[in-house]
Amino acid sequence: MRYGILIVLSLILIHCSSVAKKPCDRGGDISWPIQYKGDRHCRKVLSPEGYHVNHGDYSQFDQEGRLRLKGEFKYGLKHGYWTQYDEKGVLEVRKYFEDGEFKKVVEKKKRVWKPHD
């Protein structure tokens, strides 16, 4: 009985570790007007159709390791609030999605106009 439980737990761990290593760009639409060349962090699940898809929190960092984009997936589709940050960590824009469909810009950084010298 103990060996059976150990085998099942081992198989679960092997499956979970293999799911986590799949690239984020192969589990949902991660496109954004600005692309950053740093790391991407996402969580994968097996969809009802049997595909590995992004589900839950998603974050993207620039080459210096600064958080630049944060959002959430729902079975491979953008869902909820997606927030882009500038290099200082200040909010650039926040957009809202429902089941992969863009709905609206919720908040946008106000730019101060300065005349040229």
C-alpha atoms as a PDB file:
ATOM      1  CA  MET A   1       0.000   0.000   0.000  1.00  0.00           C
ATOM      2  CA  ARG A   2       2.773   2.452   0.926  1.00  0.00           C
ATOM      3  CA  TYR A   3       4.625   1.758  -2.301  1.00  0.00           C
ATOM      4  CA  GLY A   4       1.475   2.416  -4.304  1.00  0.00           C
ATOM      5  CA  ILE A   5       1.049   5.822  -2.678  1.00  0.00           C
ATOM      6  CA  LEU A   6       4.725   6.651  -3.269  1.00  0.00           C
ATOM      7  CA  ILE A   7       4.424   5.723  -6.944  1.00  0.00           C
ATOM      8  CA  VAL A   8       1.316   7.885  -7.388  1.00  0.00           C
ATOM      9  CA  LEU A   9       2.962  10.844  -5.630  1.00  0.00           C
ATOM     10  CA  SER A  10       6.099  10.431  -7.767  1.00  0.00           C
ATOM     11  CA  LEU A  11       4.049  10.448 -10.959  1.00  0.00           C
ATOM     12  CA  ILE A  12       2.204  13.598  -9.846  1.00  0.00           C
ATOM     13  CA  LEU A  13       5.488  15.375  -9.091  1.00  0.00           C
ATOM     14  CA  ILE A  14       6.961  14.365 -12.441  1.00  0.00           C
ATOM     15  CA  HIS A  15       3.851  15.638 -14.243  1.00  0.00           C
ATOM     16  CA  CYS A  16       3.831  18.945 -12.344  1.00  0.00           C
ATOM     17  CA  SER A  17       7.497  19.604 -12.993  1.00  0.00           C
ATOM     18  CA  SER A  18       7.115  18.908 -16.708  1.00  0.00           C
ATOM     19  CA  VAL A  19       4.109  21.246 -16.966  1.00  0.00           C
ATOM     20  CA  ALA A  20       5.956  24.117 -15.269  1.00  0.00           C
ATOM     21  CA  LYS A  21       8.843  24.017 -17.754  1.00  0.00           C
ATOM     22  CA  LYS A  22       6.753  24.675 -20.850  1.00  0.00           C
ATOM     23  CA  PRO A  23       7.276  28.196 -22.263  1.00  0.00           C
ATOM     24  CA  CYS A  24       4.651  30.819 -21.402  1.00  0.00           C
ATOM     25  CA  ASP A  25       4.273  31.843 -25.052  1.00  0.00           C
ATOM     26  CA  ARG A  26       2.956  28.367 -25.911  1.00  0.00           C
ATOM     27  CA  GLY A  27       0.056  28.456 -23.492  1.00  0.00           C
ATOM     28  CA  GLY A  28      -1.830  31.606 -24.403  1.00  0.00           C
ATOM     29  CA  ASP A  29      -1.648  34.966 -26.117  1.00  0.00           C
ATOM     30  CA  ILE A  30       1.089  36.913 -24.333  1.00  0.00           C
ATOM     31  CA  SER A  31       1.269  39.654 -26.955  1.00  0.00           C
ATOM     32  CA  TRP A  32       1.525  43.235 -25.733  1.00  0.00           C
ATOM     33  CA  PRO A  33       2.390  46.484 -27.566  1.00  0.00           C
ATOM     34  CA  ILE A  34       5.826  46.510 -25.916  1.00  0.00           C
ATOM     35  CA  GLN A  35       7.833  43.283 -25.744  1.00  0.00           C
ATOM     36  CA  TYR A  36      10.438  42.854 -23.003  1.00  0.00           C
ATOM     37  CA  LYS A  37      13.442  40.571 -23.379  1.00  0.00           C
ATOM     38  CA  GLY A  38      13.568  39.337 -19.779  1.00  0.00           C
ATOM     39  CA  ASP A  39      12.090  36.361 -17.969  1.00  0.00           C
ATOM     40  CA  ARG A  40       8.445  35.341 -18.067  1.00  0.00           C
ATOM     41  CA  HIS A  41       6.689  33.566 -15.234  1.00  0.00           C
ATOM     42  CA  CYS A  42       3.441  31.689 -15.656  1.00  0.00           C
ATOM     43  CA  ARG A  43       1.531  28.731 -14.313  1.00  0.00           C
ATOM     44  CA  LYS A  44       0.319  25.961 -16.598  1.00  0.00           C
ATOM     45  CA  VAL A  45      -2.625  23.606 -16.250  1.00  0.00           C
ATOM     46  CA  LEU A  46      -4.067  20.914 -18.433  1.00  0.00           C
ATOM     47  CA  SER A  47      -7.148  22.267 -20.218  1.00  0.00           C
ATOM     48  CA  PRO A  48     -10.329  20.163 -20.569  1.00  0.00           C
ATOM     49  CA  GLU A  49      -9.228  19.597 -24.199  1.00  0.00           C
ATOM     50  CA  GLY A  50      -5.902  18.134 -23.017  1.00  0.00           C
ATOM     51  CA  TYR A  51      -3.589  21.065 -23.871  1.00  0.00           C
ATOM     52  CA  HIS A  52      -1.133  22.752 -21.501  1.00  0.00           C
ATOM     53  CA  VAL A  53      -2.329  26.348 -21.150  1.00  0.00           C
ATOM     54  CA  ASN A  54      -1.449  29.377 -19.051  1.00  0.00           C
ATOM     55  CA  HIS A  55      -3.771  29.691 -16.070  1.00  0.00           C
ATOM     56  CA  GLY A  56      -3.395  32.094 -13.165  1.00  0.00           C
ATOM     57  CA  ASP A  57      -0.778  34.768 -12.600  1.00  0.00           C
ATOM     58  CA  TYR A  58       1.562  35.880 -15.379  1.00  0.00           C
ATOM     59  CA  SER A  59       4.509  38.255 -15.023  1.00  0.00           C
ATOM     60  CA  GLN A  60       7.117  39.511 -17.420  1.00  0.00           C
ATOM     61  CA  PHE A  61      10.407  41.167 -16.493  1.00  0.00           C
ATOM     62  CA  ASP A  62      12.942  43.239 -18.410  1.00  0.00           C
ATOM     63  CA  GLN A  63      16.621  42.326 -18.810  1.00  0.00           C
ATOM     64  CA  GLU A  64      17.474  44.024 -15.514  1.00  0.00           C
ATOM     65  CA  GLY A  65      14.907  41.896 -13.655  1.00  0.00           C
ATOM     66  CA  ARG A  66      12.344  44.675 -13.139  1.00  0.00           C
ATOM     67  CA  LEU A  67       8.653  43.760 -13.305  1.00  0.00           C
ATOM     68  CA  ARG A  68       7.206  45.285 -16.475  1.00  0.00           C
ATOM     69  CA  LEU A  69       3.933  43.418 -17.085  1.00  0.00           C
ATOM     70  CA  LYS A  70       1.563  41.575 -14.789  1.00  0.00           C
ATOM     71  CA  GLY A  71      -1.726  39.882 -15.589  1.00  0.00           C
ATOM     72  CA  GLU A  72      -3.790  36.763 -15.268  1.00  0.00           C
ATOM     73  CA  PHE A  73      -4.840  33.959 -17.585  1.00  0.00           C
ATOM     74  CA  LYS A  74      -7.987  31.876 -17.464  1.00  0.00           C
ATOM     75  CA  TYR A  75      -7.397  28.639 -19.386  1.00  0.00           C
ATOM     76  CA  GLY A  76      -5.079  30.266 -21.923  1.00  0.00           C
ATOM     77  CA  LEU A  77      -7.005  33.532 -22.310  1.00  0.00           C
ATOM     78  CA  LYS A  78      -6.168  36.933 -20.834  1.00  0.00           C
ATOM     79  CA  HIS A  79      -8.634  37.638 -18.077  1.00  0.00           C
ATOM     80  CA  GLY A  80      -8.960  40.427 -15.553  1.00  0.00           C
ATOM     81  CA  TYR A  81      -6.565  43.320 -15.098  1.00  0.00           C
ATOM     82  CA  TRP A  82      -3.262  43.493 -16.981  1.00  0.00           C
ATOM     83  CA  THR A  83      -0.822  46.140 -15.778  1.00  0.00           C
ATOM     84  CA  GLN A  84       2.281  47.506 -17.492  1.00  0.00           C
ATOM     85  CA  TYR A  85       4.962  49.298 -15.455  1.00  0.00           C
ATOM     86  CA  ASP A  86       7.766  51.623 -16.514  1.00  0.00           C
ATOM     87  CA  GLU A  87      11.425  51.085 -15.618  1.00  0.00           C
ATOM     88  CA  LYS A  88      10.891  52.796 -12.249  1.00  0.00           C
ATOM     89  CA  GLY A  89       7.969  50.548 -11.320  1.00  0.00           C
ATOM     90  CA  VAL A  90       5.348  53.246 -11.949  1.00  0.00           C
ATOM     91  CA  LEU A  91       2.095  52.194 -13.583  1.00  0.00           C
ATOM     92  CA  GLU A  92       2.066  52.903 -17.335  1.00  0.00           C
ATOM     93  CA  VAL A  93      -1.313  51.435 -18.272  1.00  0.00           C
ATOM     94  CA  ARG A  94      -3.874  49.018 -16.839  1.00  0.00           C
ATOM     95  CA  LYS A  95      -6.204  47.165 -19.210  1.00  0.00           C
ATOM     96  CA  TYR A  96      -9.153  44.903 -18.531  1.00  0.00           C
ATOM     97  CA  PHE A  97      -9.856  41.645 -20.417  1.00  0.00           C
ATOM     98  CA  GLU A  98     -12.693  39.127 -20.240  1.00  0.00           C
ATOM     99  CA  ASP A  99     -12.046  35.634 -21.574  1.00  0.00           C
ATOM    100  CA  GLY A 100      -9.342  36.868 -23.954  1.00  0.00           C
ATOM    101  CA  GLU A 101     -11.259  39.882 -25.221  1.00  0.00           C
ATOM    102  CA  PHE A 102      -9.951  43.400 -24.545  1.00  0.00           C
ATOM    103  CA  LYS A 103     -12.673  45.471 -22.865  1.00  0.00           C
ATOM    104  CA  LYS A 104     -11.178  48.804 -21.815  1.00  0.00           C
ATOM    105  CA  VAL A 105      -8.231  50.834 -20.569  1.00  0.00           C
ATOM    106  CA  VAL A 106      -8.863  51.248 -16.865  1.00  0.00           C
ATOM    107  CA  GLU A 107      -5.996  53.532 -15.949  1.00  0.00           C
ATOM    108  CA  LYS A 108      -3.200  55.253 -17.813  1.00  0.00           C
ATOM    109  CA  LYS A 109      -0.135  57.156 -16.625  1.00  0.00           C
ATOM    110  CA  LYS A 110      -0.537  60.864 -17.169  1.00  0.00           C
ATOM    111  CA  ARG A 111       2.324  62.305 -19.165  1.00  0.00           C
ATOM    112  CA  VAL A 112       3.501  65.805 -18.399  1.00  0.00           C
ATOM    113  CA  TRP A 113       4.049  67.891 -21.511  1.00  0.00           C
ATOM    114  CA  LYS A 114       7.275  69.878 -21.431  1.00  0.00           C
ATOM    115  CA  PRO A 115       8.197  72.398 -24.120  1.00  0.00           C
ATOM    116  CA  HIS A 116      11.540  71.888 -25.846  1.00  0.00           C
ATOM    117  CA  ASP A 117      14.290  74.327 -24.889  1.00  0.00           C
END
